[in-house]
Amino acid sequence: MEREREREIARQTLERYSGCSAGDFRTNLILTNFPRYVDYFAESRGIQVHEGSMFKVAHSEKDDVSILDFKIGSPAAALVVDVCSFLPIRASLLLGMCGGLRRRYEVGDYLVPVAAIRGEGTSDFYFPIEVPSLANFLMQRAVTQVLDEEKSPYHIGITYTTNMRFWEFNEEFKTRLKNTRAQGIEMECATLFSASYKRKLTLGSLLLISDLPLNQEGIKTKESSQKVYDLYTKNHVEIGIRILHRAREMQAQKVKGAYHRNLNGEEVAPPA
């Protein structure tokens, strides 16, 4: 009874925050921080954009893909996993951006995170601190397969997830960051990976390197951010859709790595 009540509250929360019915969501889900990605997806497919009190979403029946902008930060990342985990979603993917932490990286390269350092705090509500935050294995296999086929430049590594937005001028934090040897820095992956593992939502990530913040000249500005959107939005979204479809093909072939839920195509509540 309590689980049914939780499911109903999660559905109502999703509908209030997204401005559409929970039944509109497709079985593949793109999560993003960027309303422009939702706008591109909707405009390129001639579909409606819905916007509630927090999320901006669009649903493509033809692609069997929904895209949802959940805004920024680990609390929002936790919320979106918690409510979407009650939907019959088979594959989900974060299309985000990160700061690249290696000199050889270039803006426009992709980073495929296999894990994230839990520096944000929110993931502590899902697991003790000694539990690592890992991306779903099947999803990241699908990510690298598609990137290899596209011949897109990419790097594989770990990210540092932080809630500190203006860290670039904090020398103590930068020293700690360098000591972790993380390849990228962002604000959501650790929470998304931990929450999705707890909730058994098959979720991976493809990050676009949008800036090189350890170099003062490489910190993201209003102008450079606009350039990144203009140059890379279409490719990032379209590759994301291909990755979701590839993941579903792999699931149909019984490739190992996805979480065992919704196996009969029915909505199944995630574990507590």
Protein backbone atom coordinates (compact mmCIF):
# COMPACT_ATOMS: atom_id res chain seq x y z
CA MET A 1 0.00 0.00 0.00
CA GLU A 2 2.80 2.42 0.88
CA ARG A 3 4.58 1.64 -2.39
CA GLU A 4 1.43 2.36 -4.37
CA ARG A 5 1.07 5.66 -2.56
CA GLU A 6 4.68 6.54 -3.40
CA ARG A 7 4.08 5.66 -7.04
CA GLU A 8 1.02 7.88 -7.21
CA ILE A 9 2.78 10.84 -5.57
CA ALA A 10 5.75 10.40 -7.94
CA ARG A 11 3.40 10.42 -10.94
CA GLN A 12 1.58 13.52 -9.72
CA THR A 13 4.89 15.27 -9.02
CA LEU A 14 6.16 14.49 -12.50
CA GLU A 15 2.98 15.80 -14.07
CA ARG A 16 3.03 19.02 -12.05
CA TYR A 17 6.69 19.67 -12.81
CA SER A 18 6.54 18.70 -16.51
CA GLY A 19 3.16 20.10 -17.53
CA CYS A 20 2.10 16.88 -19.25
CA SER A 21 0.70 13.45 -18.46
CA ALA A 22 3.03 10.75 -17.16
CA GLY A 23 1.50 8.55 -19.85
CA ASP A 24 3.04 10.78 -22.54
CA PHE A 25 6.56 9.64 -21.69
CA ARG A 26 8.18 7.22 -24.11
CA THR A 27 10.25 4.18 -23.18
CA ASN A 28 13.55 5.94 -23.95
CA LEU A 29 14.52 9.08 -22.03
CA ILE A 30 17.10 11.82 -22.58
CA LEU A 31 17.89 13.92 -19.51
CA THR A 32 19.58 17.25 -20.03
CA ASN A 33 20.30 20.59 -18.33
CA PHE A 34 19.61 22.62 -21.43
CA PRO A 35 16.20 23.91 -22.57
CA ARG A 36 17.77 24.55 -25.98
CA TYR A 37 18.22 20.81 -26.41
CA VAL A 38 14.50 20.32 -25.83
CA ASP A 39 13.71 23.13 -28.28
CA TYR A 40 15.96 21.62 -30.96
CA PHE A 41 14.45 18.16 -30.45
CA ALA A 42 10.90 19.51 -30.73
CA GLU A 43 11.56 21.82 -33.68
CA SER A 44 13.44 19.19 -35.67
CA ARG A 45 10.56 16.74 -35.23
CA GLY A 46 7.61 19.10 -35.37
CA ILE A 47 6.31 18.19 -31.92
CA GLN A 48 4.98 20.10 -28.94
CA VAL A 49 7.03 21.34 -26.00
CA HIS A 50 5.47 21.02 -22.54
CA GLU A 51 6.59 23.08 -19.58
CA GLY A 52 5.51 22.76 -15.98
CA SER A 53 6.70 24.38 -12.79
CA MET A 54 10.21 22.91 -13.14
CA PHE A 55 10.80 20.68 -16.18
CA LYS A 56 10.66 21.32 -19.91
CA VAL A 57 9.88 18.21 -21.98
CA ALA A 58 9.01 16.92 -25.44
CA HIS A 59 7.92 13.47 -26.59
CA SER A 60 8.55 11.94 -30.02
CA GLU A 61 6.36 8.95 -30.79
CA LYS A 62 8.30 8.28 -33.98
CA ASP A 63 11.66 8.09 -32.18
CA ASP A 64 10.10 6.57 -29.04
CA VAL A 65 12.14 9.15 -27.12
CA SER A 66 11.23 11.75 -24.52
CA ILE A 67 13.63 14.55 -23.64
CA LEU A 68 13.51 16.36 -20.29
CA ASP A 69 15.39 19.44 -19.10
CA PHE A 70 15.65 19.12 -15.31
CA LYS A 71 17.66 22.32 -14.80
CA ILE A 72 20.98 22.34 -12.86
CA GLY A 73 22.42 20.67 -9.79
CA SER A 74 22.35 17.48 -7.77
CA PRO A 75 19.00 18.03 -5.94
CA ALA A 76 17.24 18.37 -9.29
CA ALA A 77 19.12 15.31 -10.59
CA ALA A 78 17.94 13.26 -7.61
CA LEU A 79 14.36 14.39 -8.06
CA VAL A 80 14.17 13.56 -11.76
CA VAL A 81 15.45 10.02 -11.20
CA ASP A 82 13.14 9.45 -8.27
CA VAL A 83 10.02 10.41 -10.21
CA CYS A 84 10.98 8.94 -13.60
CA SER A 85 11.98 5.61 -12.09
CA PHE A 86 8.28 4.81 -11.69
CA LEU A 87 7.78 5.01 -15.47
CA PRO A 88 8.32 2.02 -17.81
CA ILE A 89 11.56 3.51 -19.16
CA ARG A 90 13.96 0.95 -20.64
CA ALA A 91 16.97 3.17 -21.40
CA SER A 92 17.95 6.68 -20.32
CA LEU A 93 20.88 8.94 -21.05
CA LEU A 94 22.22 12.21 -19.66
CA LEU A 95 23.33 14.65 -22.33
CA GLY A 96 25.30 17.13 -20.26
CA MET A 97 28.37 19.33 -20.44
CA CYS A 98 31.51 19.34 -18.34
CA GLY A 99 34.73 21.20 -17.84
CA GLY A 100 37.67 19.29 -19.31
CA LEU A 101 40.57 18.84 -16.89
CA ARG A 102 43.35 17.73 -19.25
CA ARG A 103 45.53 19.98 -21.39
CA ARG A 104 45.06 17.81 -24.47
CA TYR A 105 41.27 18.08 -24.36
CA GLU A 106 39.51 20.41 -26.74
CA VAL A 107 36.13 22.10 -26.53
CA GLY A 108 33.73 19.96 -28.55
CA ASP A 109 35.29 16.64 -27.58
CA TYR A 110 33.10 14.17 -25.74
CA LEU A 111 33.78 12.66 -22.34
CA VAL A 112 32.31 9.25 -21.51
CA PRO A 113 32.19 9.01 -17.71
CA VAL A 114 32.42 5.51 -16.29
CA ALA A 115 32.14 6.83 -12.74
CA ALA A 116 31.79 10.05 -10.78
CA ILE A 117 33.39 11.27 -7.55
CA ARG A 118 30.70 12.00 -5.02
CA GLY A 119 31.63 15.55 -4.06
CA GLU A 120 28.09 16.91 -4.19
CA GLY A 121 26.56 15.44 -1.02
CA THR A 122 23.14 14.53 -2.43
CA SER A 123 24.18 10.97 -3.30
CA ASP A 124 24.75 10.36 0.43
CA PHE A 125 20.98 9.98 0.76
CA TYR A 126 21.09 6.88 -1.48
CA PHE A 127 24.20 5.02 -0.34
CA PRO A 128 27.00 5.17 2.25
CA ILE A 129 30.01 7.15 1.06
CA GLU A 130 32.10 4.02 0.38
CA VAL A 131 29.71 2.92 -2.40
CA PRO A 132 31.06 4.11 -5.78
CA SER A 133 28.93 6.05 -8.21
CA LEU A 134 29.02 4.17 -11.53
CA ALA A 135 27.34 4.74 -14.86
CA ASN A 136 25.31 1.82 -16.19
CA PHE A 137 27.65 -0.54 -18.04
CA LEU A 138 25.35 -1.38 -20.95
CA MET A 139 24.57 2.27 -21.61
CA GLN A 140 28.23 3.26 -21.70
CA ARG A 141 28.97 0.39 -24.09
CA ALA A 142 26.26 1.76 -26.37
CA VAL A 143 27.75 5.26 -26.03
CA THR A 144 31.23 4.19 -27.13
CA GLN A 145 29.93 2.02 -29.96
CA VAL A 146 28.02 4.93 -31.50
CA LEU A 147 30.88 7.39 -30.98
CA ASP A 148 33.28 4.99 -32.69
CA GLU A 149 30.92 4.62 -35.65
CA GLU A 150 30.55 8.40 -35.86
CA LYS A 151 34.32 8.83 -35.54
CA SER A 152 33.67 11.45 -32.88
CA PRO A 153 36.62 12.47 -30.69
CA TYR A 154 36.06 11.28 -27.13
CA HIS A 155 37.80 10.47 -23.86
CA ILE A 156 36.91 7.95 -21.17
CA GLY A 157 37.34 8.67 -17.47
CA ILE A 158 35.77 9.87 -14.26
CA THR A 159 34.16 13.16 -13.40
CA TYR A 160 34.13 15.14 -10.18
CA THR A 161 30.57 16.11 -9.26
CA THR A 162 30.32 19.27 -7.17
CA ASN A 163 27.61 21.62 -5.97
CA MET A 164 30.10 24.51 -5.95
CA ARG A 165 29.35 26.52 -9.06
CA PHE A 166 31.97 29.28 -8.76
CA TRP A 167 34.89 27.02 -7.88
CA GLU A 168 37.29 28.25 -10.56
CA PHE A 169 38.62 30.95 -8.21
CA ASN A 170 38.89 28.74 -5.12
CA GLU A 171 42.52 27.61 -4.95
CA GLU A 172 41.97 25.13 -2.11
CA PHE A 173 39.23 23.38 -4.05
CA LYS A 174 41.29 23.37 -7.25
CA THR A 175 44.19 21.67 -5.46
CA ARG A 176 41.84 18.99 -4.12
CA LEU A 177 40.31 18.58 -7.58
CA LYS A 178 43.70 18.06 -9.23
CA ASN A 179 44.63 15.46 -6.61
CA THR A 180 41.59 13.36 -7.54
CA ARG A 181 42.91 13.04 -11.13
CA ALA A 182 39.37 13.41 -12.46
CA GLN A 183 39.08 14.02 -16.19
CA GLY A 184 36.04 16.30 -16.02
CA ILE A 185 34.01 18.38 -13.58
CA GLU A 186 30.23 18.84 -13.57
CA MET A 187 27.29 19.04 -11.18
CA GLU A 188 25.01 16.02 -11.64
CA CYS A 189 26.62 12.70 -12.62
CA ALA A 190 27.35 11.29 -9.16
CA THR A 191 23.78 11.91 -8.06
CA LEU A 192 22.28 10.54 -11.26
CA PHE A 193 24.41 7.40 -11.19
CA SER A 194 23.77 6.71 -7.50
CA ALA A 195 20.05 7.41 -7.66
CA SER A 196 19.59 5.35 -10.82
CA TYR A 197 21.47 2.43 -9.26
CA LYS A 198 19.24 2.63 -6.20
CA ARG A 199 16.11 2.89 -8.31
CA LYS A 200 17.28 0.42 -10.98
CA LEU A 201 16.85 2.92 -13.82
CA THR A 202 19.21 2.02 -16.67
CA LEU A 203 21.08 5.32 -17.14
CA GLY A 204 24.30 6.36 -18.84
CA SER A 205 25.90 9.65 -19.79
CA LEU A 206 27.54 11.43 -22.68
CA LEU A 207 29.18 14.71 -21.71
CA LEU A 208 30.31 17.44 -24.07
CA ILE A 209 33.47 19.27 -23.04
CA SER A 210 32.28 22.86 -23.07
CA ASP A 211 35.24 24.61 -21.42
CA LEU A 212 38.73 24.08 -20.00
CA PRO A 213 38.36 25.74 -16.59
CA LEU A 214 41.79 25.02 -15.07
CA ASN A 215 43.10 27.57 -17.56
CA GLN A 216 41.84 31.06 -16.68
CA GLU A 217 41.43 31.77 -20.39
CA GLY A 218 39.40 28.59 -20.76
CA ILE A 219 36.64 29.40 -18.24
CA LYS A 220 33.21 29.44 -19.83
CA THR A 221 31.81 32.87 -20.67
CA LYS A 222 28.50 34.04 -22.08
CA GLU A 223 30.04 34.30 -25.54
CA SER A 224 31.82 30.94 -25.47
CA SER A 225 28.71 29.22 -24.11
CA GLN A 226 26.63 30.53 -27.00
CA LYS A 227 29.24 29.27 -29.46
CA VAL A 228 29.13 25.79 -27.93
CA TYR A 229 25.34 25.67 -28.26
CA ASP A 230 25.47 26.87 -31.85
CA LEU A 231 28.13 24.37 -32.89
CA TYR A 232 27.25 21.22 -31.00
CA THR A 233 23.58 21.04 -29.99
CA LYS A 234 22.36 19.14 -33.06
CA ASN A 235 25.14 16.55 -33.01
CA HIS A 236 24.90 15.95 -29.27
CA VAL A 237 21.14 15.35 -29.37
CA GLU A 238 21.15 13.20 -32.49
CA ILE A 239 23.99 11.02 -31.21
CA GLY A 240 22.08 10.67 -27.95
CA ILE A 241 19.05 9.33 -29.79
CA ARG A 242 21.20 6.83 -31.65
CA ILE A 243 22.73 5.68 -28.37
CA LEU A 244 19.30 5.03 -26.85
CA HIS A 245 18.26 2.99 -29.87
CA ARG A 246 21.52 1.05 -29.78
CA ALA A 247 21.02 0.30 -26.09
CA ARG A 248 17.56 -1.07 -26.83
CA GLU A 249 19.00 -3.29 -29.56
CA MET A 250 21.56 -4.59 -27.09
CA GLN A 251 18.84 -5.27 -24.53
CA ALA A 252 16.86 -7.21 -27.13
CA GLN A 253 19.99 -9.29 -27.81
CA LYS A 254 20.23 -9.91 -24.04
CA VAL A 255 23.59 -8.17 -23.78
CA LYS A 256 24.47 -7.97 -20.10
CA GLY A 257 24.53 -4.74 -18.16
CA ALA A 258 21.01 -3.30 -18.00
CA TYR A 259 19.01 -3.46 -14.81
CA HIS A 260 16.39 -6.21 -14.73
CA ARG A 261 13.16 -4.27 -14.48
CA ASN A 262 10.22 -3.81 -16.87
CA LEU A 263 11.22 -7.06 -18.54
CA ASN A 264 7.68 -7.79 -19.69
CA GLY A 265 7.01 -4.29 -20.90
CA GLU A 266 4.95 -3.51 -17.80
CA GLU A 267 5.39 -0.63 -15.40
CA VAL A 268 7.26 -1.97 -12.39
CA ALA A 269 7.94 0.01 -9.24
CA PRO A 270 11.65 0.42 -8.49
CA PRO A 271 13.05 -1.15 -5.36
CA ALA A 272 12.89 0.79 -2.12
